[in-house]
C-alpha atoms as a PDB file:
ATOM      1  CA  UNK A   1     144.564 219.393 234.322  1.00  0.00           C
ATOM      2  CA  UNK A   2     144.753 216.392 232.008  1.00  0.00           C
ATOM      3  CA  UNK A   3     141.858 213.936 232.153  1.00  0.00           C
ATOM      4  CA  UNK A   4     141.754 210.184 231.563  1.00  0.00           C
ATOM      5  CA  UNK A   5     138.363 208.471 231.262  1.00  0.00           C
ATOM      6  CA  UNK A   6     138.313 204.677 231.489  1.00  0.00           C
ATOM      7  CA  UNK A   7     134.838 203.205 231.140  1.00  0.00           C
ATOM      8  CA  UNK A   8     133.411 200.519 228.861  1.00  0.00           C
ATOM      9  CA  UNK A   9     130.120 202.368 228.430  1.00  0.00           C
ATOM     10  CA  UNK A  10     130.389 204.726 225.474  1.00  0.00           C
ATOM     11  CA  UNK A  11     127.585 206.979 226.681  1.00  0.00           C
ATOM     12  CA  UNK A  12     129.426 207.470 229.981  1.00  0.00           C
ATOM     13  CA  UNK A  13     132.746 208.214 228.289  1.00  0.00           C
ATOM     14  CA  UNK A  14     131.289 210.708 225.856  1.00  0.00           C
ATOM     15  CA  UNK A  15     129.051 212.308 228.464  1.00  0.00           C
ATOM     16  CA  UNK A  16     131.941 212.900 230.844  1.00  0.00           C
ATOM     17  CA  UNK A  17     134.153 214.188 228.057  1.00  0.00           C
ATOM     18  CA  UNK A  18     131.457 216.646 226.999  1.00  0.00           C
ATOM     19  CA  UNK A  19     131.064 217.961 230.553  1.00  0.00           C
ATOM     20  CA  UNK A  20     134.743 218.114 231.500  1.00  0.00           C
ATOM     21  CA  UNK A  21     135.875 219.692 228.231  1.00  0.00           C
ATOM     22  CA  UNK A  22     133.851 222.803 229.108  1.00  0.00           C
ATOM     23  CA  UNK A  23     136.188 223.736 231.971  1.00  0.00           C
ATOM     24  CA  UNK A  24     138.678 226.439 230.925  1.00  0.00           C
ATOM     25  CA  UNK A  25     141.589 224.755 232.700  1.00  0.00           C
ATOM     26  CA  UNK A  26     140.821 221.284 231.359  1.00  0.00           C
ATOM     27  CA  UNK A  27     143.777 219.943 229.410  1.00  0.00           C
ATOM     28  CA  UNK A  28     144.064 216.865 227.255  1.00  0.00           C
ATOM     29  CA  UNK A  29     141.278 214.281 227.559  1.00  0.00           C
ATOM     30  CA  UNK A  30     142.156 210.699 226.644  1.00  0.00           C
ATOM     31  CA  UNK A  31     139.831 207.695 226.408  1.00  0.00           C
ATOM     32  CA  UNK A  32     141.834 204.473 226.795  1.00  0.00           C
ATOM     33  CA  UNK A  33     139.895 201.266 226.243  1.00  0.00           C
ATOM     34  CA  UNK A  34     141.867 198.911 228.485  1.00  0.00           C
ATOM     35  CA  UNK A  35     143.578 199.118 231.868  1.00  0.00           C
ATOM     36  CA  UNK A  36     146.979 198.512 230.229  1.00  0.00           C
ATOM     37  CA  UNK A  37     146.444 201.623 228.134  1.00  0.00           C
ATOM     38  CA  UNK A  38     145.582 203.501 231.313  1.00  0.00           C
ATOM     39  CA  UNK A  39     149.031 202.743 232.703  1.00  0.00           C
ATOM     40  CA  UNK A  40     150.648 204.020 229.516  1.00  0.00           C
ATOM     41  CA  UNK A  41     148.608 207.224 229.709  1.00  0.00           C
ATOM     42  CA  UNK A  42     149.685 207.752 233.317  1.00  0.00           C
ATOM     43  CA  UNK A  43     153.329 207.225 232.415  1.00  0.00           C
ATOM     44  CA  UNK A  44     153.028 210.124 229.959  1.00  0.00           C
ATOM     45  CA  UNK A  45     150.753 212.257 232.179  1.00  0.00           C
ATOM     46  CA  UNK A  46     151.378 211.171 235.813  1.00  0.00           C
ATOM     47  CA  UNK A  47     149.386 214.051 237.350  1.00  0.00           C
ATOM     48  CA  UNK A  48     146.150 213.319 235.491  1.00  0.00           C
ATOM     49  CA  UNK A  49     142.684 213.000 236.992  1.00  0.00           C
ATOM     50  CA  UNK A  50     141.466 209.496 236.177  1.00  0.00           C
ATOM     51  CA  UNK A  51     137.718 208.886 235.988  1.00  0.00           C
ATOM     52  CA  UNK A  52     137.116 205.155 235.932  1.00  0.00           C
ATOM     53  CA  UNK A  53     134.535 202.511 236.615  1.00  0.00           C
ATOM     54  CA  UNK A  54     136.850 199.819 237.901  1.00  0.00           C
ATOM     55  CA  UNK A  55     133.902 197.406 238.280  1.00  0.00           C
ATOM     56  CA  UNK A  56     133.581 197.239 234.483  1.00  0.00           C
ATOM     57  CA  UNK A  57     137.308 196.802 233.889  1.00  0.00           C
ATOM     58  CA  UNK A  58     139.750 194.041 234.785  1.00  0.00           C
ATOM     59  CA  UNK A  59     140.882 195.929 237.872  1.00  0.00           C
ATOM     60  CA  UNK A  60     140.745 194.714 241.455  1.00  0.00           C
ATOM     61  CA  UNK A  61     140.871 196.921 244.525  1.00  0.00           C
ATOM     62  CA  UNK A  62     144.436 195.767 245.165  1.00  0.00           C
ATOM     63  CA  UNK A  63     145.483 196.790 241.659  1.00  0.00           C
ATOM     64  CA  UNK A  64     143.958 200.214 242.219  1.00  0.00           C
ATOM     65  CA  UNK A  65     145.970 200.664 245.395  1.00  0.00           C
ATOM     66  CA  UNK A  66     149.159 199.581 243.631  1.00  0.00           C
ATOM     67  CA  UNK A  67     148.431 202.006 240.797  1.00  0.00           C
ATOM     68  CA  UNK A  68     147.956 204.786 243.331  1.00  0.00           C
ATOM     69  CA  UNK A  69     151.356 203.988 244.839  1.00  0.00           C
ATOM     70  CA  UNK A  70     152.969 203.929 241.410  1.00  0.00           C
ATOM     71  CA  UNK A  71     151.410 207.246 240.358  1.00  0.00           C
ATOM     72  CA  UNK A  72     151.077 209.196 243.641  1.00  0.00           C
ATOM     73  CA  UNK A  73     150.380 212.535 241.928  1.00  0.00           C
ATOM     74  CA  UNK A  74     147.358 211.256 239.999  1.00  0.00           C
ATOM     75  CA  UNK A  75     143.785 211.580 241.222  1.00  0.00           C
ATOM     76  CA  UNK A  76     141.536 208.529 240.920  1.00  0.00           C
ATOM     77  CA  UNK A  77     137.824 209.275 240.708  1.00  0.00           C
ATOM     78  CA  UNK A  78     135.835 206.060 241.062  1.00  0.00           C
ATOM     79  CA  UNK A  79     132.817 206.710 238.865  1.00  0.00           C
ATOM     80  CA  UNK A  80     130.620 203.688 239.472  1.00  0.00           C
ATOM     81  CA  UNK A  81     127.570 202.271 241.240  1.00  0.00           C
ATOM     82  CA  UNK A  82     128.390 198.912 242.794  1.00  0.00           C
ATOM     83  CA  UNK A  83     130.738 199.883 245.597  1.00  0.00           C
ATOM     84  CA  UNK A  84     130.815 197.834 248.763  1.00  0.00           C
ATOM     85  CA  UNK A  85     130.870 199.729 252.039  1.00  0.00           C
ATOM     86  CA  UNK A  86     134.092 198.058 253.163  1.00  0.00           C
ATOM     87  CA  UNK A  87     135.855 198.852 249.901  1.00  0.00           C
ATOM     88  CA  UNK A  88     134.687 202.474 249.953  1.00  0.00           C
ATOM     89  CA  UNK A  89     135.943 202.955 253.501  1.00  0.00           C
ATOM     90  CA  UNK A  90     139.266 201.319 252.751  1.00  0.00           C
ATOM     91  CA  UNK A  91     139.947 203.235 249.564  1.00  0.00           C
ATOM     92  CA  UNK A  92     139.009 206.608 251.065  1.00  0.00           C
ATOM     93  CA  UNK A  93     141.162 206.124 254.142  1.00  0.00           C
ATOM     94  CA  UNK A  94     144.138 204.923 252.120  1.00  0.00           C
ATOM     95  CA  UNK A  95     144.795 208.141 250.241  1.00  0.00           C
ATOM     96  CA  UNK A  96     143.130 211.532 249.830  1.00  0.00           C
ATOM     97  CA  UNK A  97     143.679 211.273 246.076  1.00  0.00           C
ATOM     98  CA  UNK A  98     140.904 208.709 245.827  1.00  0.00           C
ATOM     99  CA  UNK A  99     137.459 210.174 245.190  1.00  0.00           C
ATOM    100  CA  UNK A 100     134.026 208.625 244.713  1.00  0.00           C
ATOM    101  CA  UNK A 101     131.422 209.926 242.284  1.00  0.00           C
ATOM    102  CA  UNK A 102     128.357 207.734 241.791  1.00  0.00           C
ATOM    103  CA  UNK A 103     126.912 207.327 238.308  1.00  0.00           C
ATOM    104  CA  UNK A 104     123.597 208.814 239.376  1.00  0.00           C
ATOM    105  CA  UNK A 105     125.377 211.964 240.564  1.00  0.00           C
ATOM    106  CA  UNK A 106     123.906 215.293 239.561  1.00  0.00           C
ATOM    107  CA  UNK A 107     125.658 217.703 237.236  1.00  0.00           C
ATOM    108  CA  UNK A 108     126.290 219.940 240.238  1.00  0.00           C
ATOM    109  CA  UNK A 109     128.071 217.078 242.021  1.00  0.00           C
ATOM    110  CA  UNK A 110     130.308 216.526 239.004  1.00  0.00           C
ATOM    111  CA  UNK A 111     131.158 220.242 239.009  1.00  0.00           C
ATOM    112  CA  UNK A 112     131.880 220.077 242.749  1.00  0.00           C
ATOM    113  CA  UNK A 113     134.074 217.001 242.340  1.00  0.00           C
ATOM    114  CA  UNK A 114     136.148 218.741 239.676  1.00  0.00           C
ATOM    115  CA  UNK A 115     136.485 221.876 241.815  1.00  0.00           C
ATOM    116  CA  UNK A 116     137.508 219.862 244.889  1.00  0.00           C
ATOM    117  CA  UNK A 117     140.139 217.942 242.955  1.00  0.00           C
ATOM    118  CA  UNK A 118     141.572 221.162 241.556  1.00  0.00           C
ATOM    119  CA  UNK A 119     141.712 222.568 245.097  1.00  0.00           C
ATOM    120  CA  UNK A 120     143.391 219.489 246.557  1.00  0.00           C
ATOM    121  CA  UNK A 121     140.343 218.317 248.512  1.00  0.00           C
ATOM    122  CA  UNK A 122     138.904 214.830 248.571  1.00  0.00           C
ATOM    123  CA  UNK A 123     135.433 214.484 247.060  1.00  0.00           C
ATOM    124  CA  UNK A 124     132.972 211.852 248.227  1.00  0.00           C
ATOM    125  CA  UNK A 125     129.416 211.648 246.929  1.00  0.00           C
ATOM    126  CA  UNK A 126     126.980 212.900 249.579  1.00  0.00           C
ATOM    127  CA  UNK A 127     124.615 209.963 249.156  1.00  0.00           C
ATOM    128  CA  UNK A 128     127.477 207.546 249.781  1.00  0.00           C
ATOM    129  CA  UNK A 129     128.566 209.424 252.907  1.00  0.00           C
ATOM    130  CA  UNK A 130     125.058 209.284 254.366  1.00  0.00           C
ATOM    131  CA  UNK A 131     124.734 205.578 253.551  1.00  0.00           C
ATOM    132  CA  UNK A 132     128.088 204.806 255.155  1.00  0.00           C
ATOM    133  CA  UNK A 133     127.295 206.872 258.224  1.00  0.00           C
ATOM    134  CA  UNK A 134     123.860 205.297 258.744  1.00  0.00           C
ATOM    135  CA  UNK A 135     125.006 201.713 258.325  1.00  0.00           C
ATOM    136  CA  UNK A 136     128.117 202.177 260.426  1.00  0.00           C
ATOM    137  CA  UNK A 137     126.183 203.565 263.395  1.00  0.00           C
ATOM    138  CA  UNK A 138     124.163 200.352 263.493  1.00  0.00           C
ATOM    139  CA  UNK A 139     127.265 198.222 264.010  1.00  0.00           C
ATOM    140  CA  UNK A 140     127.999 197.037 267.531  1.00  0.00           C
ATOM    141  CA  UNK A 141     131.112 198.276 269.281  1.00  0.00           C
ATOM    142  CA  UNK A 142     133.115 196.530 272.017  1.00  0.00           C
ATOM    143  CA  UNK A 143     133.983 199.894 273.570  1.00  0.00           C
ATOM    144  CA  UNK A 144     132.392 201.569 276.563  1.00  0.00           C
ATOM    145  CA  UNK A 145     130.802 205.009 276.251  1.00  0.00           C
ATOM    146  CA  UNK A 146     133.876 206.627 277.830  1.00  0.00           C
ATOM    147  CA  UNK A 147     136.244 204.791 275.501  1.00  0.00           C
ATOM    148  CA  UNK A 148     134.187 205.892 272.504  1.00  0.00           C
ATOM    149  CA  UNK A 149     134.390 209.517 273.636  1.00  0.00           C
ATOM    150  CA  UNK A 150     138.157 209.294 274.050  1.00  0.00           C
ATOM    151  CA  UNK A 151     138.564 207.552 270.700  1.00  0.00           C
ATOM    152  CA  UNK A 152     136.504 210.281 269.034  1.00  0.00           C
ATOM    153  CA  UNK A 153     138.726 212.930 270.619  1.00  0.00           C
ATOM    154  CA  UNK A 154     141.800 211.057 269.369  1.00  0.00           C
ATOM    155  CA  UNK A 155     140.276 210.908 265.899  1.00  0.00           C
ATOM    156  CA  UNK A 156     139.857 214.673 265.903  1.00  0.00           C
ATOM    157  CA  UNK A 157     143.575 215.105 266.557  1.00  0.00           C
ATOM    158  CA  UNK A 158     143.510 215.909 270.269  1.00  0.00           C
ATOM    159  CA  UNK A 159     146.502 214.972 272.408  1.00  0.00           C
ATOM    160  CA  UNK A 160     146.361 212.905 275.578  1.00  0.00           C
ATOM    161  CA  UNK A 161     146.896 216.039 277.676  1.00  0.00           C
ATOM    162  CA  UNK A 162     144.100 217.890 275.881  1.00  0.00           C
ATOM    163  CA  UNK A 163     141.704 214.981 276.332  1.00  0.00           C
ATOM    164  CA  UNK A 164     142.585 214.730 280.016  1.00  0.00           C
ATOM    165  CA  UNK A 165     142.013 218.465 280.523  1.00  0.00           C
ATOM    166  CA  UNK A 166     138.632 218.375 278.774  1.00  0.00           C
ATOM    167  CA  UNK A 167     137.488 215.414 280.858  1.00  0.00           C
ATOM    168  CA  UNK A 168     138.967 216.714 284.128  1.00  0.00           C
ATOM    169  CA  UNK A 169     140.933 213.470 284.323  1.00  0.00           C
ATOM    170  CA  UNK A 170     144.584 212.658 284.791  1.00  0.00           C
ATOM    171  CA  UNK A 171     146.855 211.908 281.866  1.00  0.00           C
ATOM    172  CA  UNK A 172     147.419 208.474 283.394  1.00  0.00           C
ATOM    173  CA  UNK A 173     143.665 207.734 283.293  1.00  0.00           C
ATOM    174  CA  UNK A 174     143.408 208.699 279.626  1.00  0.00           C
ATOM    175  CA  UNK A 175     146.480 206.615 278.802  1.00  0.00           C
ATOM    176  CA  UNK A 176     144.855 203.634 280.514  1.00  0.00           C
ATOM    177  CA  UNK A 177     141.730 204.115 278.410  1.00  0.00           C
ATOM    178  CA  UNK A 178     143.899 204.308 275.278  1.00  0.00           C
ATOM    179  CA  UNK A 179     145.559 200.998 276.145  1.00  0.00           C
ATOM    180  CA  UNK A 180     142.159 199.398 276.717  1.00  0.00           C
ATOM    181  CA  UNK A 181     140.915 200.748 273.380  1.00  0.00           C
ATOM    182  CA  UNK A 182     143.908 199.303 271.534  1.00  0.00           C
ATOM    183  CA  UNK A 183     143.477 195.955 273.297  1.00  0.00           C
ATOM    184  CA  UNK A 184     139.739 195.675 272.604  1.00  0.00           C
ATOM    185  CA  UNK A 185     140.091 196.676 268.958  1.00  0.00           C
ATOM    186  CA  UNK A 186     143.195 194.524 268.493  1.00  0.00           C
ATOM    187  CA  UNK A 187     145.149 197.434 267.002  1.00  0.00           C
ATOM    188  CA  UNK A 188     148.709 198.582 267.579  1.00  0.00           C
ATOM    189  CA  UNK A 189     148.542 202.354 267.270  1.00  0.00           C
ATOM    190  CA  UNK A 190     146.317 205.419 267.223  1.00  0.00           C
ATOM    191  CA  UNK A 191     146.093 205.494 263.425  1.00  0.00           C
ATOM    192  CA  UNK A 192     144.535 202.024 263.322  1.00  0.00           C
ATOM    193  CA  UNK A 193     142.186 202.959 266.156  1.00  0.00           C
ATOM    194  CA  UNK A 194     141.096 206.102 264.310  1.00  0.00           C
ATOM    195  CA  UNK A 195     140.401 204.033 261.207  1.00  0.00           C
ATOM    196  CA  UNK A 196     138.096 201.867 263.299  1.00  0.00           C
ATOM    197  CA  UNK A 197     136.381 204.977 264.691  1.00  0.00           C
ATOM    198  CA  UNK A 198     135.487 206.132 261.182  1.00  0.00           C
ATOM    199  CA  UNK A 199     134.377 202.687 260.056  1.00  0.00           C
ATOM    200  CA  UNK A 200     132.217 202.143 263.144  1.00  0.00           C
ATOM    201  CA  UNK A 201     130.556 205.551 262.950  1.00  0.00           C
ATOM    202  CA  UNK A 202     132.043 206.765 266.249  1.00  0.00           C
ATOM    203  CA  UNK A 203     133.348 209.741 264.313  1.00  0.00           C
ATOM    204  CA  UNK A 204     130.875 211.382 261.957  1.00  0.00           C
ATOM    205  CA  UNK A 205     132.045 210.384 258.475  1.00  0.00           C
ATOM    206  CA  UNK A 206     131.151 213.744 256.933  1.00  0.00           C
ATOM    207  CA  UNK A 207     132.944 215.587 259.739  1.00  0.00           C
ATOM    208  CA  UNK A 208     136.041 213.428 259.283  1.00  0.00           C
ATOM    209  CA  UNK A 209     136.343 214.135 255.543  1.00  0.00           C
ATOM    210  CA  UNK A 210     136.013 217.917 255.800  1.00  0.00           C
END
């Protein structure tokens, strides 16, 4: 796997290169200095794993999302500290090829991130997951307890019939709850409702990303 490291801190660039170069299946490692050079590197190696601290570069969250759309086979590992909760949630839900590795991560976490990427799994730093889960559970929800339970079941991929059977309810009753959930959350479909469930802590964040 080819690696691209984009970070303005030399100690970070060289440290990552030293660690990643030890993996037997690690391919070419490039160290572009600007975001424009990153694009050129991805044009030549579109399936690379990109380690970058976008907060130190001239990259916005929107530009990252556009870059992900342009190079859908690349992995983007956000290797930084100053991530907002809203941005982290948005970026992780957008595409499974986004990963988050904090700069105070342990060597073991870096090894795990590399292994997960190679295996096609999304890696999210454990400390970040716990922080997101704790803060999200403190947010108020407009949903009733029953609606939260149904939304959680929806988030876990259960069908309306399955939810009705588990709750000893009719399909019509569950469908009514679904409509109320969509109305209260001001969303148009189940996917948007599920996104809310993750953001609000109704679904355990760590369980969702497994």
